[in-house]
Structure formats: C-alpha cells, structure tokens
Amino acid sequence: MVDAILEKGILQGSVIGTDRIIRCNPSARHYHFQRSDPKLHYDGRLVDPLEYVREPNPGKSPVLATSLSIIPGLGRAYAGHPVDGLFSFFIVSGFAFNTYNHSQSDNPIRAGINASFMTLFWLADFYGAYRTAKMVPPRNSQP
C-alpha cells in the first residue's frame, strides 16, 4: 500500500492498497495461479505488481464488472473471484452497519470514521472488479 501511495498519490494509492487488502484471503494463491504469468517472491509470497499487463482476451467485461459493483462484491464475483467478492461484501456491509448504528446513537465522529472506511473499501471494490475482469483468463482456457 505504501508503494501504491508513493507512486500514485494518496487517493488512488489508498484505493489500490485497499483492493490488495480485500484480495488477501485464503483463495489468493488459487486466483494468482490462474494467471498466465504467476510470480512468487523468493520466500514463497505472492508478487502482486503495482502495474499489471492486461491478459489477452479475458472473456469478461470490465465495464459490466465495475457496474455490478454497485452491490459490493458482485462485480468481483462476476469477474471470477467469488471469495474476494464475498470478503468485499462483508467488509463494506459491516462498515455500513456500523455507520448506521453510530449515526442512530448520536455519535457523529464514529459514524464519519466508519463511513470513510466504507467508502474507501467500496471504491476499492469498483477498482478491484475492473482490474479482475481485465486480468482473469476465460475459464475454458486455463494455462
């Protein structure tokens, strides 16, 4: 996330870094090896470069994936990463629930903090759905 912020600026870097947090889940290794160019660090960690190259003919519409993200996680699920979509849905929904509860209990500071995190994770979901749709190869052409 620090690299993304330093290279892309605070807003775009935060969204890119938050997307990476959502994608850090038990299915990450499986999704990583679906790519035609999976990379590993010398100690076994997945290498997720800040700049990525579009896979040829991915088979999913990035515009549709981004549009479906109006419902958190749905765009990622459409793009072929249902576990990432589920994580995104629960994170955004959790912050939305906390925002609502704090606003009802007249705690505007906590409501604002939760609303900020909800917005950040939701923006990261839009970005992640777009990015995933561009990178995931079609199911019938697994490398």
N, C-alpha and C. Protein backbone atom coordinates (compact mmCIF):
# COMPACT_ATOMS: atom_id res chain seq x y z
N MET A 1 0.83 -1.19 0.00
CA MET A 1 0.00 0.00 0.00
C MET A 1 0.88 1.25 0.00
N VAL A 2 1.96 1.20 0.73
CA VAL A 2 2.86 2.34 0.79
C VAL A 2 3.42 2.64 -0.59
N ASP A 3 3.84 1.59 -1.31
CA ASP A 3 4.34 1.79 -2.67
C ASP A 3 3.29 2.41 -3.57
N ALA A 4 2.05 1.94 -3.45
CA ALA A 4 0.96 2.47 -4.28
C ALA A 4 0.72 3.94 -3.96
N ILE A 5 0.74 4.32 -2.70
CA ILE A 5 0.52 5.72 -2.31
C ILE A 5 1.67 6.59 -2.79
N LEU A 6 2.89 6.11 -2.63
CA LEU A 6 4.04 6.90 -3.08
C LEU A 6 4.04 7.09 -4.60
N GLU A 7 3.64 6.05 -5.32
CA GLU A 7 3.68 6.11 -6.78
C GLU A 7 2.45 6.78 -7.39
N LYS A 8 1.27 6.55 -6.82
CA LYS A 8 0.03 7.01 -7.44
C LYS A 8 -0.63 8.19 -6.72
N GLY A 9 -0.16 8.54 -5.54
CA GLY A 9 -0.81 9.61 -4.78
C GLY A 9 -1.71 9.02 -3.70
N ILE A 10 -2.13 9.88 -2.78
CA ILE A 10 -2.85 9.41 -1.60
C ILE A 10 -4.19 8.75 -1.93
N LEU A 11 -5.01 9.36 -2.77
CA LEU A 11 -6.34 8.81 -3.04
C LEU A 11 -6.26 7.53 -3.87
N GLN A 12 -5.65 7.61 -5.04
CA GLN A 12 -5.56 6.44 -5.90
C GLN A 12 -4.74 5.33 -5.24
N GLY A 13 -3.66 5.67 -4.58
CA GLY A 13 -2.85 4.68 -3.90
C GLY A 13 -3.59 3.99 -2.76
N SER A 14 -4.42 4.75 -2.04
CA SER A 14 -5.21 4.16 -0.96
C SER A 14 -6.23 3.17 -1.51
N VAL A 15 -6.85 3.51 -2.63
CA VAL A 15 -7.83 2.60 -3.25
C VAL A 15 -7.13 1.34 -3.73
N ILE A 16 -5.99 1.49 -4.40
CA ILE A 16 -5.24 0.33 -4.88
C ILE A 16 -4.77 -0.54 -3.72
N GLY A 17 -4.26 0.07 -2.66
CA GLY A 17 -3.82 -0.68 -1.49
C GLY A 17 -4.96 -1.38 -0.77
N THR A 18 -6.11 -0.72 -0.69
CA THR A 18 -7.28 -1.33 -0.05
C THR A 18 -7.78 -2.51 -0.87
N ASP A 19 -7.73 -2.38 -2.19
CA ASP A 19 -8.09 -3.51 -3.05
C ASP A 19 -7.20 -4.70 -2.74
N ARG A 20 -5.92 -4.46 -2.52
CA ARG A 20 -4.99 -5.54 -2.21
C ARG A 20 -5.33 -6.19 -0.87
N ILE A 21 -5.78 -5.39 0.09
CA ILE A 21 -6.19 -5.94 1.39
C ILE A 21 -7.37 -6.89 1.20
N ILE A 22 -8.34 -6.50 0.39
CA ILE A 22 -9.51 -7.35 0.15
C ILE A 22 -9.09 -8.66 -0.52
N ARG A 23 -8.14 -8.57 -1.44
CA ARG A 23 -7.71 -9.77 -2.17
C ARG A 23 -6.80 -10.67 -1.36
N CYS A 24 -6.40 -10.25 -0.17
CA CYS A 24 -5.54 -11.06 0.68
C CYS A 24 -6.41 -11.99 1.51
N ASN A 25 -6.73 -13.15 0.95
CA ASN A 25 -7.61 -14.11 1.60
C ASN A 25 -7.17 -15.53 1.21
N PRO A 26 -7.79 -16.55 1.78
CA PRO A 26 -7.34 -17.92 1.52
C PRO A 26 -7.36 -18.34 0.05
N SER A 27 -8.15 -17.70 -0.79
CA SER A 27 -8.21 -18.11 -2.20
C SER A 27 -7.20 -17.38 -3.07
N ALA A 28 -6.41 -16.48 -2.49
CA ALA A 28 -5.49 -15.65 -3.27
C ALA A 28 -4.51 -16.49 -4.10
N ARG A 29 -3.94 -17.53 -3.51
CA ARG A 29 -2.96 -18.34 -4.24
C ARG A 29 -3.62 -19.01 -5.45
N HIS A 30 -4.83 -19.53 -5.28
CA HIS A 30 -5.54 -20.17 -6.39
C HIS A 30 -5.78 -19.16 -7.52
N TYR A 31 -6.27 -17.97 -7.18
CA TYR A 31 -6.51 -16.95 -8.20
C TYR A 31 -5.22 -16.53 -8.87
N HIS A 32 -4.16 -16.43 -8.08
CA HIS A 32 -2.87 -15.99 -8.61
C HIS A 32 -2.36 -16.96 -9.68
N PHE A 33 -2.53 -18.24 -9.45
CA PHE A 33 -2.02 -19.23 -10.39
C PHE A 33 -2.93 -19.42 -11.60
N GLN A 34 -4.09 -18.77 -11.64
CA GLN A 34 -4.92 -18.78 -12.85
C GLN A 34 -4.30 -17.90 -13.92
N ARG A 35 -3.48 -16.95 -13.52
CA ARG A 35 -2.84 -16.04 -14.47
C ARG A 35 -1.79 -16.79 -15.29
N SER A 36 -1.50 -16.26 -16.46
CA SER A 36 -0.51 -16.91 -17.31
C SER A 36 0.92 -16.60 -16.85
N ASP A 37 1.09 -15.61 -15.97
CA ASP A 37 2.43 -15.23 -15.52
C ASP A 37 2.51 -15.10 -14.00
N PRO A 38 2.15 -16.15 -13.24
CA PRO A 38 2.20 -16.03 -11.78
C PRO A 38 3.64 -15.84 -11.31
N LYS A 39 3.81 -14.96 -10.33
CA LYS A 39 5.15 -14.67 -9.81
C LYS A 39 5.16 -14.88 -8.30
N LEU A 40 6.25 -15.43 -7.82
CA LEU A 40 6.43 -15.65 -6.39
C LEU A 40 7.72 -14.97 -5.96
N HIS A 41 7.71 -14.43 -4.74
CA HIS A 41 8.91 -13.88 -4.12
C HIS A 41 9.79 -15.06 -3.74
N TYR A 42 11.07 -14.83 -3.51
CA TYR A 42 11.99 -15.92 -3.19
C TYR A 42 11.57 -16.71 -1.94
N ASP A 43 10.78 -16.08 -1.04
CA ASP A 43 10.36 -16.78 0.17
C ASP A 43 8.96 -17.38 0.06
N GLY A 44 8.38 -17.38 -1.15
CA GLY A 44 7.09 -18.03 -1.36
C GLY A 44 5.90 -17.10 -1.36
N ARG A 45 6.10 -15.81 -1.01
CA ARG A 45 4.99 -14.87 -1.03
C ARG A 45 4.59 -14.56 -2.47
N LEU A 46 3.31 -14.25 -2.67
CA LEU A 46 2.83 -13.87 -4.00
C LEU A 46 3.32 -12.47 -4.34
N VAL A 47 3.75 -12.29 -5.57
CA VAL A 47 4.17 -10.98 -6.05
C VAL A 47 3.00 -10.38 -6.82
N ASP A 48 2.52 -9.25 -6.35
CA ASP A 48 1.38 -8.56 -6.97
C ASP A 48 1.87 -7.18 -7.40
N PRO A 49 2.41 -7.06 -8.61
CA PRO A 49 2.99 -5.79 -9.03
C PRO A 49 1.95 -4.68 -9.09
N LEU A 50 2.39 -3.48 -8.83
CA LEU A 50 1.50 -2.33 -8.87
C LEU A 50 0.97 -2.11 -10.28
N GLU A 51 1.86 -2.22 -11.26
CA GLU A 51 1.44 -2.11 -12.66
C GLU A 51 1.21 -3.53 -13.18
N TYR A 52 0.14 -3.75 -13.88
CA TYR A 52 -0.13 -5.07 -14.42
C TYR A 52 -0.37 -4.96 -15.91
N VAL A 53 -0.15 -6.06 -16.59
CA VAL A 53 -0.36 -6.12 -18.03
C VAL A 53 -1.66 -6.84 -18.27
N ARG A 54 -2.46 -6.29 -19.15
CA ARG A 54 -3.75 -6.90 -19.45
C ARG A 54 -3.55 -8.25 -20.14
N GLU A 55 -4.27 -9.24 -19.65
CA GLU A 55 -4.23 -10.55 -20.28
C GLU A 55 -4.96 -10.48 -21.62
N PRO A 56 -4.50 -11.17 -22.64
CA PRO A 56 -5.22 -11.14 -23.92
C PRO A 56 -6.57 -11.84 -23.82
N ASN A 57 -7.60 -11.22 -24.40
CA ASN A 57 -8.96 -11.77 -24.48
C ASN A 57 -9.44 -12.37 -23.16
N PRO A 58 -9.65 -11.54 -22.14
CA PRO A 58 -10.00 -12.09 -20.83
C PRO A 58 -11.39 -12.72 -20.75
N GLY A 59 -12.31 -12.36 -21.64
CA GLY A 59 -13.62 -13.00 -21.64
C GLY A 59 -14.63 -12.39 -20.70
N LYS A 60 -14.26 -11.42 -19.92
CA LYS A 60 -15.18 -10.72 -19.01
C LYS A 60 -15.16 -9.24 -19.33
N SER A 61 -16.29 -8.59 -19.20
CA SER A 61 -16.39 -7.16 -19.49
C SER A 61 -16.00 -6.35 -18.25
N PRO A 62 -14.91 -5.58 -18.33
CA PRO A 62 -14.54 -4.73 -17.20
C PRO A 62 -15.60 -3.68 -16.86
N VAL A 63 -16.29 -3.18 -17.88
CA VAL A 63 -17.35 -2.18 -17.64
C VAL A 63 -18.51 -2.82 -16.89
N LEU A 64 -18.92 -4.02 -17.29
CA LEU A 64 -20.00 -4.70 -16.58
C LEU A 64 -19.59 -5.06 -15.16
N ALA A 65 -18.36 -5.54 -14.98
CA ALA A 65 -17.88 -5.88 -13.64
C ALA A 65 -17.90 -4.65 -12.74
N THR A 66 -17.45 -3.53 -13.27
CA THR A 66 -17.44 -2.29 -12.49
C THR A 66 -18.86 -1.87 -12.16
N SER A 67 -19.77 -1.96 -13.12
CA SER A 67 -21.16 -1.57 -12.90
C SER A 67 -21.84 -2.46 -11.86
N LEU A 68 -21.55 -3.73 -11.89
CA LEU A 68 -22.15 -4.66 -10.92
C LEU A 68 -21.69 -4.38 -9.49
N SER A 69 -20.58 -3.67 -9.35
CA SER A 69 -20.04 -3.38 -8.02
C SER A 69 -20.87 -2.36 -7.25
N ILE A 70 -21.94 -1.86 -7.84
CA ILE A 70 -22.87 -1.02 -7.08
C ILE A 70 -23.39 -1.83 -5.89
N ILE A 71 -23.47 -3.14 -6.07
CA ILE A 71 -23.71 -4.06 -4.95
C ILE A 71 -22.33 -4.62 -4.60
N PRO A 72 -21.79 -4.26 -3.45
CA PRO A 72 -20.42 -4.65 -3.12
C PRO A 72 -20.16 -6.14 -3.30
N GLY A 73 -19.09 -6.45 -4.03
CA GLY A 73 -18.67 -7.83 -4.23
C GLY A 73 -19.23 -8.49 -5.48
N LEU A 74 -20.32 -7.99 -6.02
CA LEU A 74 -20.95 -8.65 -7.16
C LEU A 74 -20.07 -8.57 -8.41
N GLY A 75 -19.40 -7.46 -8.62
CA GLY A 75 -18.51 -7.32 -9.77
C GLY A 75 -17.33 -8.27 -9.70
N ARG A 76 -16.76 -8.43 -8.52
CA ARG A 76 -15.64 -9.37 -8.35
C ARG A 76 -16.12 -10.81 -8.59
N ALA A 77 -17.30 -11.13 -8.09
CA ALA A 77 -17.84 -12.48 -8.30
C ALA A 77 -18.06 -12.73 -9.79
N TYR A 78 -18.64 -11.77 -10.49
CA TYR A 78 -18.84 -11.89 -11.94
C TYR A 78 -17.51 -12.09 -12.66
N ALA A 79 -16.48 -11.37 -12.23
CA ALA A 79 -15.18 -11.43 -12.89
C ALA A 79 -14.42 -12.72 -12.60
N GLY A 80 -14.96 -13.57 -11.73
CA GLY A 80 -14.34 -14.86 -11.48
C GLY A 80 -13.67 -15.01 -10.14
N HIS A 81 -13.83 -14.04 -9.25
CA HIS A 81 -13.24 -14.12 -7.91
C HIS A 81 -14.35 -14.02 -6.85
N PRO A 82 -15.15 -15.08 -6.70
CA PRO A 82 -16.28 -15.01 -5.77
C PRO A 82 -15.87 -14.85 -4.30
N VAL A 83 -14.73 -15.41 -3.90
CA VAL A 83 -14.31 -15.27 -2.50
C VAL A 83 -13.93 -13.82 -2.21
N ASP A 84 -13.21 -13.19 -3.15
CA ASP A 84 -12.90 -11.76 -2.99
C ASP A 84 -14.19 -10.95 -2.90
N GLY A 85 -15.17 -11.31 -3.73
CA GLY A 85 -16.45 -10.62 -3.70
C GLY A 85 -17.15 -10.77 -2.37
N LEU A 86 -17.09 -11.96 -1.81
CA LEU A 86 -17.72 -12.20 -0.50
C LEU A 86 -17.03 -11.39 0.59
N PHE A 87 -15.68 -11.38 0.57
CA PHE A 87 -14.94 -10.56 1.54
C PHE A 87 -15.33 -9.09 1.40
N SER A 88 -15.37 -8.61 0.17
CA SER A 88 -15.71 -7.21 -0.08
C SER A 88 -17.12 -6.89 0.43
N PHE A 89 -18.06 -7.78 0.13
CA PHE A 89 -19.44 -7.56 0.58
C PHE A 89 -19.51 -7.44 2.09
N PHE A 90 -18.86 -8.35 2.80
CA PHE A 90 -18.93 -8.33 4.26
C PHE A 90 -18.21 -7.11 4.86
N ILE A 91 -17.09 -6.72 4.27
CA ILE A 91 -16.36 -5.56 4.80
C ILE A 91 -17.17 -4.28 4.59
N VAL A 92 -17.65 -4.05 3.37
CA VAL A 92 -18.43 -2.84 3.08
C VAL A 92 -19.72 -2.83 3.89
N SER A 93 -20.40 -3.97 3.95
CA SER A 93 -21.65 -4.05 4.72
C SER A 93 -21.42 -3.83 6.21
N GLY A 94 -20.32 -4.36 6.72
CA GLY A 94 -20.00 -4.17 8.14
C GLY A 94 -19.78 -2.70 8.47
N PHE A 95 -19.01 -2.01 7.64
CA PHE A 95 -18.80 -0.58 7.87
C PHE A 95 -20.10 0.21 7.70
N ALA A 96 -20.94 -0.20 6.74
CA ALA A 96 -22.24 0.48 6.56
C ALA A 96 -23.12 0.28 7.80
N PHE A 97 -23.14 -0.93 8.32
CA PHE A 97 -23.93 -1.24 9.52
C PHE A 97 -23.44 -0.41 10.71
N ASN A 98 -22.12 -0.35 10.89
CA ASN A 98 -21.56 0.45 11.99
C ASN A 98 -21.84 1.93 11.80
N THR A 99 -21.77 2.41 10.56
CA THR A 99 -22.08 3.82 10.28
C THR A 99 -23.52 4.13 10.70
N TYR A 100 -24.43 3.26 10.31
CA TYR A 100 -25.84 3.45 10.66
C TYR A 100 -26.04 3.43 12.18
N ASN A 101 -25.46 2.45 12.85
CA ASN A 101 -25.63 2.34 14.31
C ASN A 101 -25.07 3.56 15.04
N HIS A 102 -23.90 4.03 14.63
CA HIS A 102 -23.31 5.19 15.29
C HIS A 102 -24.08 6.47 14.99
N SER A 103 -24.64 6.56 13.79
CA SER A 103 -25.44 7.76 13.50
C SER A 103 -26.74 7.75 14.29
N GLN A 104 -27.30 6.57 14.54
CA GLN A 104 -28.52 6.46 15.34
C GLN A 104 -28.27 6.75 16.81
N SER A 105 -27.06 6.48 17.28
CA SER A 105 -26.73 6.71 18.69
C SER A 105 -26.08 8.07 18.90
N ASP A 106 -26.26 8.97 17.94
CA ASP A 106 -25.72 10.34 18.03
C ASP A 106 -24.23 10.37 18.30
N ASN A 107 -23.50 9.60 17.55
CA ASN A 107 -22.04 9.59 17.64
C ASN A 107 -21.49 9.92 16.26
N PRO A 108 -21.51 11.19 15.87
CA PRO A 108 -21.14 11.55 14.50
C PRO A 108 -19.67 11.30 14.15
N ILE A 109 -18.79 11.33 15.13
CA ILE A 109 -17.38 11.10 14.83
C ILE A 109 -17.16 9.64 14.42
N ARG A 110 -17.69 8.71 15.20
CA ARG A 110 -17.55 7.30 14.84
C ARG A 110 -18.31 6.98 13.56
N ALA A 111 -19.46 7.60 13.37
CA ALA A 111 -20.22 7.40 12.13
C ALA A 111 -19.40 7.88 10.94
N GLY A 112 -18.76 9.02 11.08
CA GLY A 112 -17.94 9.55 9.99
C GLY A 112 -16.73 8.68 9.68
N ILE A 113 -16.09 8.17 10.72
CA ILE A 113 -14.93 7.29 10.52
C ILE A 113 -15.35 6.02 9.80
N ASN A 114 -16.45 5.42 10.26
CA ASN A 114 -16.94 4.20 9.60
C ASN A 114 -17.39 4.49 8.18
N ALA A 115 -18.04 5.62 7.95
CA ALA A 115 -18.47 5.98 6.59
C ALA A 115 -17.26 6.17 5.68
N SER A 116 -16.18 6.73 6.21
CA SER A 116 -14.96 6.90 5.42
C SER A 116 -14.36 5.56 5.02
N PHE A 117 -14.28 4.65 5.97
CA PHE A 117 -13.75 3.32 5.64
C PHE A 117 -14.68 2.57 4.68
N MET A 118 -15.98 2.70 4.88
CA MET A 118 -16.94 2.06 3.99
C MET A 118 -16.73 2.56 2.56
N THR A 119 -16.60 3.87 2.41
CA THR A 119 -16.40 4.46 1.09
C THR A 119 -15.09 4.00 0.46
N LEU A 120 -14.02 3.97 1.25
CA LEU A 120 -12.73 3.53 0.74
C LEU A 120 -12.80 2.08 0.25
N PHE A 121 -13.38 1.19 1.05
CA PHE A 121 -13.47 -0.21 0.65
C PHE A 121 -14.42 -0.39 -0.53
N TRP A 122 -15.46 0.42 -0.62
CA TRP A 122 -16.38 0.33 -1.75
C TRP A 122 -15.70 0.80 -3.03
N LEU A 123 -14.95 1.89 -2.96
CA LEU A 123 -14.19 2.35 -4.13
C LEU A 123 -13.17 1.29 -4.56
N ALA A 124 -12.53 0.66 -3.58
CA ALA A 124 -11.59 -0.41 -3.89
C ALA A 124 -12.29 -1.59 -4.54
N ASP A 125 -13.55 -1.81 -4.19
CA ASP A 125 -14.31 -2.89 -4.82
C ASP A 125 -14.57 -2.59 -6.29
N PHE A 126 -14.92 -1.34 -6.61
CA PHE A 126 -15.10 -0.96 -8.02
C PHE A 126 -13.80 -1.17 -8.79
N TYR A 127 -12.70 -0.67 -8.23
CA TYR A 127 -11.40 -0.81 -8.88
C TYR A 127 -11.02 -2.29 -9.02
N GLY A 128 -11.23 -3.06 -7.96
CA GLY A 128 -10.86 -4.48 -7.98
C GLY A 128 -11.67 -5.28 -8.98
N ALA A 129 -12.95 -4.96 -9.12
CA ALA A 129 -13.77 -5.67 -10.11
C ALA A 129 -13.28 -5.36 -11.52
N TYR A 130 -12.98 -4.11 -11.78
CA TYR A 130 -12.46 -3.71 -13.09
C TYR A 130 -11.13 -4.41 -13.38
N ARG A 131 -10.23 -4.35 -12.40
CA ARG A 131 -8.90 -4.96 -12.56
C ARG A 131 -9.00 -6.46 -12.75
N THR A 132 -9.85 -7.12 -11.98
CA THR A 132 -10.00 -8.56 -12.07
C THR A 132 -10.58 -8.97 -13.41
N ALA A 133 -11.56 -8.23 -13.90
CA ALA A 133 -12.16 -8.58 -15.20
C ALA A 133 -11.14 -8.46 -16.33
N LYS A 134 -10.20 -7.54 -16.20
CA LYS A 134 -9.18 -7.39 -17.23
C LYS A 134 -8.10 -8.46 -17.14
N MET A 135 -7.91 -9.05 -15.97
CA MET A 135 -6.79 -9.96 -15.77
C MET A 135 -7.17 -11.43 -15.80
N VAL A 136 -8.39 -11.79 -15.51
CA VAL A 136 -8.76 -13.19 -15.39
C VAL A 136 -8.95 -13.80 -16.77
N PRO A 137 -8.24 -14.88 -17.08
CA PRO A 137 -8.46 -15.53 -18.36
C PRO A 137 -9.79 -16.27 -18.38
N PRO A 138 -10.35 -16.51 -19.55
CA PRO A 138 -11.61 -17.26 -19.62
C PRO A 138 -11.47 -18.62 -18.98
N ARG A 139 -12.55 -19.15 -18.42
CA ARG A 139 -12.50 -20.46 -17.74
C ARG A 139 -12.05 -21.59 -18.64
N ASN A 140 -12.43 -21.55 -19.92
CA ASN A 140 -12.11 -22.66 -20.81
C ASN A 140 -10.68 -22.61 -21.33
N SER A 141 -9.89 -21.59 -20.96
CA SER A 141 -8.51 -21.53 -21.43
C SER A 141 -7.53 -21.37 -20.28
N GLN A 142 -7.68 -22.20 -19.27
CA GLN A 142 -6.77 -22.16 -18.11
C GLN A 142 -5.35 -22.48 -18.58
N PRO A 143 -4.34 -21.72 -18.11
CA PRO A 143 -2.96 -22.00 -18.53
C PRO A 143 -2.45 -23.31 -17.96
